[in-house]
Every structure is written in structure tokens, then in C-alpha cells.
Amino acid sequence: MAISKQYRRERIKMRIRKKDTGLLPRLSVFRSNKEIYAQIINDSEKKTLVVASSKEKTFEASGTKTEKAKAVGTILAERAKEAKIGQVFFDRNGYLYHGRVKALADAAREAGLIF
């Protein structure tokens, strides 16, 4: 019997979350077919600290979805610096680490976020 994509992603998600110790804020990524969203969450207080997405009104990047993901990663890292967040735990949310997810992570690292 074949495993559905959604079930497979849920299993990977749980495997990733097991490694999270809760000491660092978590950078969670969600990607839809058109847009990409990222947020930094403090799990101990259950609060979202910083948010960035390609759907914001102030978002001006155009081009491919990968280029939009790079722009979102840069914006997120800048907002994290303003909120005095330097280091995070990267939660790829069950997605494979390539393409848009990797582009967002690399852009956030280049902008100064540590994970």
C-alpha cells in the first residue's frame, strides 16, 4: 500500500520536531503552490515573534518562486535582527531541503541569521 504525500510529510515533521529542544526559537516554513511563508515561533510561550511572506502588500520581489523565497528569507532575517533574535532552530515542516526551502534558508543565513 502506497503512503500518501501528506502522511509522509507528517512523519518527517514529527522526526524534525523531536530534535527541537525548545531552547531556541523555531523558524517554520510553509510553502503553497504560489506563495511561501516563514515565521519565527517561541514554542515555550506559544507566540509568533517574526513573520514574513511573499503575500505581504509591502513585498515587491518579482520573478520566479525561488527568487521570491530568497527575498522572504532576507526580509525575515532583517526583522529577526530588529527583534534581537540571532539564532533559531530551522523547521522545514516536512518539505525536502531543496528548491524554495533551501533558497529561503540560504538567504536568511546570508542576512545574518544563525541555524
N, C-alpha and C. Protein backbone atom coordinates (compact mmCIF):
# COMPACT_ATOMS: atom_id res chain seq x y z
N MET A 1 0.84 -1.18 0.00
CA MET A 1 0.00 0.00 0.00
C MET A 1 0.89 1.25 0.00
N ALA A 2 0.60 2.18 -0.89
CA ALA A 2 1.41 3.38 -1.03
C ALA A 2 1.09 4.39 0.07
N ILE A 3 2.11 5.08 0.50
CA ILE A 3 1.95 6.12 1.52
C ILE A 3 1.68 7.44 0.80
N SER A 4 0.68 8.18 1.26
CA SER A 4 0.35 9.45 0.61
C SER A 4 1.41 10.49 0.94
N LYS A 5 1.49 11.53 0.13
CA LYS A 5 2.46 12.59 0.34
C LYS A 5 2.21 13.29 1.67
N GLN A 6 0.95 13.50 1.97
CA GLN A 6 0.60 14.21 3.20
C GLN A 6 1.02 13.40 4.44
N TYR A 7 0.80 12.09 4.43
CA TYR A 7 1.17 11.24 5.55
C TYR A 7 2.69 11.21 5.69
N ARG A 8 3.39 11.11 4.57
CA ARG A 8 4.85 11.09 4.58
C ARG A 8 5.39 12.39 5.18
N ARG A 9 4.80 13.52 4.78
CA ARG A 9 5.24 14.82 5.28
C ARG A 9 4.99 14.93 6.78
N GLU A 10 3.87 14.41 7.26
CA GLU A 10 3.57 14.43 8.70
C GLU A 10 4.60 13.62 9.49
N ARG A 11 5.00 12.48 8.96
CA ARG A 11 6.02 11.66 9.63
C ARG A 11 7.35 12.38 9.70
N ILE A 12 7.76 13.01 8.60
CA ILE A 12 9.02 13.76 8.57
C ILE A 12 8.95 14.92 9.55
N LYS A 13 7.79 15.59 9.60
CA LYS A 13 7.59 16.71 10.51
C LYS A 13 7.84 16.31 11.96
N MET A 14 7.28 15.17 12.35
CA MET A 14 7.46 14.69 13.72
C MET A 14 8.91 14.35 14.01
N ARG A 15 9.60 13.79 13.03
CA ARG A 15 11.01 13.45 13.19
C ARG A 15 11.84 14.71 13.42
N ILE A 16 11.52 15.78 12.68
CA ILE A 16 12.25 17.04 12.82
C ILE A 16 11.95 17.67 14.17
N ARG A 17 10.68 17.68 14.58
CA ARG A 17 10.27 18.33 15.82
C ARG A 17 10.84 17.62 17.05
N LYS A 18 11.12 16.31 16.92
CA LYS A 18 11.72 15.58 18.03
C LYS A 18 13.09 16.14 18.39
N LYS A 19 13.81 16.64 17.39
CA LYS A 19 15.16 17.15 17.61
C LYS A 19 15.16 18.53 18.24
N ASP A 20 14.03 19.23 18.20
CA ASP A 20 13.94 20.57 18.76
C ASP A 20 13.94 20.48 20.29
N THR A 21 14.89 21.16 20.93
CA THR A 21 14.99 21.11 22.38
C THR A 21 14.11 22.16 23.05
N GLY A 22 13.68 23.15 22.30
CA GLY A 22 12.85 24.21 22.85
C GLY A 22 13.65 25.37 23.42
N LEU A 23 14.98 25.30 23.34
CA LEU A 23 15.81 26.38 23.85
C LEU A 23 15.87 27.55 22.89
N LEU A 24 15.79 27.26 21.59
CA LEU A 24 15.87 28.30 20.57
C LEU A 24 14.50 28.53 19.94
N PRO A 25 14.25 29.73 19.44
CA PRO A 25 13.02 29.94 18.67
C PRO A 25 13.08 29.11 17.39
N ARG A 26 11.92 28.74 16.88
CA ARG A 26 11.84 27.86 15.72
C ARG A 26 11.45 28.65 14.48
N LEU A 27 12.23 28.50 13.39
CA LEU A 27 11.90 29.12 12.12
C LEU A 27 11.13 28.09 11.30
N SER A 28 9.83 28.31 11.15
CA SER A 28 8.97 27.37 10.45
C SER A 28 8.65 27.89 9.06
N VAL A 29 8.73 27.01 8.07
CA VAL A 29 8.49 27.38 6.67
C VAL A 29 7.26 26.64 6.17
N PHE A 30 6.40 27.36 5.44
CA PHE A 30 5.27 26.74 4.76
C PHE A 30 5.27 27.23 3.33
N ARG A 31 5.11 26.31 2.41
CA ARG A 31 5.05 26.71 1.00
C ARG A 31 3.79 26.17 0.37
N SER A 32 3.10 27.03 -0.35
CA SER A 32 1.95 26.60 -1.13
C SER A 32 2.41 26.55 -2.59
N ASN A 33 1.49 26.32 -3.49
CA ASN A 33 1.89 26.25 -4.89
C ASN A 33 2.39 27.59 -5.42
N LYS A 34 1.86 28.69 -4.91
CA LYS A 34 2.24 30.01 -5.42
C LYS A 34 3.09 30.82 -4.45
N GLU A 35 2.83 30.71 -3.16
CA GLU A 35 3.45 31.60 -2.17
C GLU A 35 4.34 30.81 -1.22
N ILE A 36 5.11 31.56 -0.42
CA ILE A 36 5.93 30.96 0.64
C ILE A 36 5.82 31.83 1.89
N TYR A 37 5.72 31.19 3.03
CA TYR A 37 5.54 31.87 4.31
C TYR A 37 6.59 31.36 5.28
N ALA A 38 7.09 32.25 6.13
CA ALA A 38 8.05 31.85 7.16
C ALA A 38 7.75 32.62 8.43
N GLN A 39 7.91 31.95 9.56
CA GLN A 39 7.70 32.63 10.84
C GLN A 39 8.65 32.07 11.88
N ILE A 40 9.00 32.92 12.81
CA ILE A 40 9.84 32.50 13.93
C ILE A 40 8.93 32.44 15.15
N ILE A 41 8.91 31.26 15.79
CA ILE A 41 7.97 30.98 16.86
C ILE A 41 8.72 30.65 18.15
N ASN A 42 8.24 31.18 19.26
CA ASN A 42 8.75 30.81 20.58
C ASN A 42 7.79 29.76 21.12
N ASP A 43 8.17 28.50 21.10
CA ASP A 43 7.28 27.41 21.49
C ASP A 43 6.99 27.38 22.99
N SER A 44 7.91 27.86 23.81
CA SER A 44 7.68 27.83 25.25
C SER A 44 6.55 28.79 25.64
N GLU A 45 6.48 29.95 24.97
CA GLU A 45 5.41 30.91 25.24
C GLU A 45 4.25 30.78 24.26
N LYS A 46 4.42 29.95 23.23
CA LYS A 46 3.41 29.75 22.18
C LYS A 46 3.05 31.07 21.51
N LYS A 47 4.09 31.82 21.11
CA LYS A 47 3.88 33.11 20.45
C LYS A 47 4.73 33.20 19.19
N THR A 48 4.16 33.85 18.18
CA THR A 48 4.90 34.12 16.95
C THR A 48 5.66 35.42 17.15
N LEU A 49 6.97 35.39 16.89
CA LEU A 49 7.81 36.55 17.13
C LEU A 49 7.99 37.40 15.87
N VAL A 50 8.24 36.74 14.74
CA VAL A 50 8.51 37.44 13.48
C VAL A 50 7.83 36.68 12.34
N VAL A 51 7.28 37.42 11.37
CA VAL A 51 6.60 36.81 10.24
C VAL A 51 7.06 37.49 8.95
N ALA A 52 7.17 36.70 7.88
CA ALA A 52 7.43 37.23 6.54
C ALA A 52 6.80 36.29 5.53
N SER A 53 6.23 36.85 4.49
CA SER A 53 5.65 36.02 3.44
C SER A 53 5.71 36.75 2.11
N SER A 54 5.52 36.00 1.05
CA SER A 54 5.54 36.58 -0.29
C SER A 54 4.19 37.19 -0.64
N LYS A 55 3.25 37.13 0.28
CA LYS A 55 1.91 37.63 0.03
C LYS A 55 1.66 38.99 0.67
N GLU A 56 2.66 39.54 1.36
CA GLU A 56 2.52 40.83 2.03
C GLU A 56 2.37 41.95 1.00
N LYS A 57 1.69 43.02 1.40
CA LYS A 57 1.49 44.14 0.50
C LYS A 57 2.80 44.88 0.23
N THR A 58 3.72 44.88 1.20
CA THR A 58 4.99 45.58 1.03
C THR A 58 6.01 44.75 0.25
N PHE A 59 5.67 43.52 -0.06
CA PHE A 59 6.58 42.62 -0.77
C PHE A 59 6.66 43.03 -2.23
N GLU A 60 7.86 43.29 -2.74
CA GLU A 60 8.00 43.83 -4.08
C GLU A 60 8.80 42.94 -5.03
N ALA A 61 9.23 41.78 -4.60
CA ALA A 61 10.04 40.92 -5.46
C ALA A 61 9.17 40.30 -6.55
N SER A 62 9.71 40.28 -7.73
CA SER A 62 9.02 39.60 -8.82
C SER A 62 9.99 38.60 -9.42
N GLY A 63 9.50 37.72 -10.24
CA GLY A 63 10.34 36.70 -10.84
C GLY A 63 9.84 35.32 -10.49
N THR A 64 10.76 34.40 -10.41
CA THR A 64 10.39 33.02 -10.13
C THR A 64 10.05 32.84 -8.66
N LYS A 65 9.46 31.70 -8.34
CA LYS A 65 9.11 31.41 -6.95
C LYS A 65 10.35 31.29 -6.08
N THR A 66 11.45 30.81 -6.66
CA THR A 66 12.70 30.69 -5.91
C THR A 66 13.25 32.06 -5.55
N GLU A 67 13.15 33.01 -6.48
CA GLU A 67 13.61 34.37 -6.20
C GLU A 67 12.76 35.02 -5.12
N LYS A 68 11.46 34.74 -5.13
CA LYS A 68 10.59 35.25 -4.08
C LYS A 68 10.96 34.65 -2.72
N ALA A 69 11.32 33.36 -2.70
CA ALA A 69 11.71 32.70 -1.46
C ALA A 69 12.99 33.34 -0.90
N LYS A 70 13.94 33.68 -1.78
CA LYS A 70 15.17 34.34 -1.34
C LYS A 70 14.84 35.68 -0.69
N ALA A 71 13.93 36.43 -1.31
CA ALA A 71 13.56 37.74 -0.78
C ALA A 71 12.88 37.59 0.59
N VAL A 72 12.03 36.59 0.74
CA VAL A 72 11.35 36.36 2.02
C VAL A 72 12.38 36.00 3.09
N GLY A 73 13.37 35.18 2.76
CA GLY A 73 14.42 34.83 3.72
C GLY A 73 15.20 36.04 4.19
N THR A 74 15.51 36.94 3.27
CA THR A 74 16.24 38.15 3.62
C THR A 74 15.40 39.06 4.52
N ILE A 75 14.13 39.24 4.16
CA ILE A 75 13.23 40.08 4.96
C ILE A 75 13.07 39.51 6.36
N LEU A 76 12.91 38.18 6.45
CA LEU A 76 12.74 37.54 7.75
C LEU A 76 13.96 37.74 8.64
N ALA A 77 15.15 37.60 8.07
CA ALA A 77 16.38 37.77 8.85
C ALA A 77 16.53 39.21 9.34
N GLU A 78 16.16 40.18 8.50
CA GLU A 78 16.24 41.58 8.91
C GLU A 78 15.27 41.86 10.06
N ARG A 79 14.06 41.32 9.96
CA ARG A 79 13.08 41.52 11.03
C ARG A 79 13.50 40.80 12.31
N ALA A 80 14.17 39.67 12.16
CA ALA A 80 14.67 38.95 13.34
C ALA A 80 15.76 39.75 14.04
N LYS A 81 16.62 40.41 13.27
CA LYS A 81 17.65 41.25 13.87
C LYS A 81 17.02 42.40 14.66
N GLU A 82 15.95 42.99 14.09
CA GLU A 82 15.26 44.07 14.79
C GLU A 82 14.64 43.58 16.10
N ALA A 83 14.19 42.32 16.10
CA ALA A 83 13.59 41.73 17.30
C ALA A 83 14.65 41.11 18.21
N LYS A 84 15.92 41.31 17.88
CA LYS A 84 17.06 40.81 18.65
C LYS A 84 17.07 39.29 18.75
N ILE A 85 16.79 38.64 17.61
CA ILE A 85 16.86 37.18 17.51
C ILE A 85 18.04 36.86 16.61
N GLY A 86 19.02 36.14 17.12
CA GLY A 86 20.21 35.85 16.34
C GLY A 86 20.33 34.41 15.90
N GLN A 87 19.78 33.50 16.69
CA GLN A 87 19.93 32.08 16.40
C GLN A 87 18.57 31.40 16.51
N VAL A 88 18.29 30.50 15.55
CA VAL A 88 17.00 29.80 15.51
C VAL A 88 17.20 28.33 15.19
N PHE A 89 16.16 27.55 15.43
CA PHE A 89 16.11 26.14 15.02
C PHE A 89 15.31 26.09 13.72
N PHE A 90 15.87 25.55 12.65
CA PHE A 90 15.20 25.55 11.34
C PHE A 90 14.26 24.36 11.24
N ASP A 91 12.98 24.64 11.03
CA ASP A 91 11.95 23.62 10.87
C ASP A 91 11.45 23.70 9.43
N ARG A 92 11.85 22.74 8.62
CA ARG A 92 11.45 22.78 7.21
C ARG A 92 10.05 22.23 7.00
N ASN A 93 9.39 21.84 8.08
CA ASN A 93 7.97 21.48 8.07
C ASN A 93 7.66 20.27 7.20
N GLY A 94 8.61 19.35 7.09
CA GLY A 94 8.37 18.12 6.33
C GLY A 94 8.71 18.22 4.87
N TYR A 95 9.08 19.41 4.39
CA TYR A 95 9.44 19.58 2.98
C TYR A 95 10.89 19.17 2.79
N LEU A 96 11.21 18.73 1.59
CA LEU A 96 12.59 18.40 1.27
C LEU A 96 13.43 19.67 1.27
N TYR A 97 14.68 19.55 1.70
CA TYR A 97 15.56 20.71 1.77
C TYR A 97 16.20 20.94 0.41
N HIS A 98 15.42 21.47 -0.51
CA HIS A 98 15.94 21.89 -1.80
C HIS A 98 14.92 22.81 -2.45
N GLY A 99 15.33 23.50 -3.47
CA GLY A 99 14.41 24.41 -4.14
C GLY A 99 14.11 25.65 -3.32
N ARG A 100 12.83 25.94 -3.15
CA ARG A 100 12.42 27.16 -2.46
C ARG A 100 12.78 27.16 -0.98
N VAL A 101 12.69 26.02 -0.33
CA VAL A 101 13.01 25.93 1.10
C VAL A 101 14.50 26.21 1.31
N LYS A 102 15.33 25.64 0.47
CA LYS A 102 16.77 25.87 0.56
C LYS A 102 17.12 27.32 0.24
N ALA A 103 16.45 27.89 -0.76
CA ALA A 103 16.71 29.28 -1.13
C ALA A 103 16.38 30.22 0.02
N LEU A 104 15.26 29.98 0.70
CA LEU A 104 14.88 30.80 1.84
C LEU A 104 15.90 30.67 2.97
N ALA A 105 16.32 29.45 3.26
CA ALA A 105 17.28 29.21 4.34
C ALA A 105 18.63 29.86 4.04
N ASP A 106 19.10 29.71 2.81
CA ASP A 106 20.39 30.30 2.43
C ASP A 106 20.36 31.82 2.51
N ALA A 107 19.25 32.41 2.05
CA ALA A 107 19.13 33.87 2.10
C ALA A 107 19.09 34.37 3.54
N ALA A 108 18.41 33.64 4.41
CA ALA A 108 18.35 34.02 5.83
C ALA A 108 19.73 33.91 6.47
N ARG A 109 20.48 32.88 6.11
CA ARG A 109 21.85 32.73 6.65
C ARG A 109 22.74 33.87 6.18
N GLU A 110 22.65 34.21 4.89
CA GLU A 110 23.47 35.29 4.34
C GLU A 110 23.16 36.63 5.00
N ALA A 111 21.89 36.82 5.40
CA ALA A 111 21.49 38.07 6.04
C ALA A 111 21.82 38.10 7.52
N GLY A 112 22.40 37.02 8.05
CA GLY A 112 22.91 37.05 9.42
C GLY A 112 22.22 36.16 10.43
N LEU A 113 21.23 35.41 10.03
CA LEU A 113 20.55 34.50 10.96
C LEU A 113 21.37 33.21 11.11
N ILE A 114 21.51 32.71 12.31
CA ILE A 114 22.33 31.51 12.56
C ILE A 114 21.42 30.34 12.87
N PHE A 115 21.61 29.21 12.12
CA PHE A 115 20.93 27.95 12.42
C PHE A 115 21.65 26.80 11.82
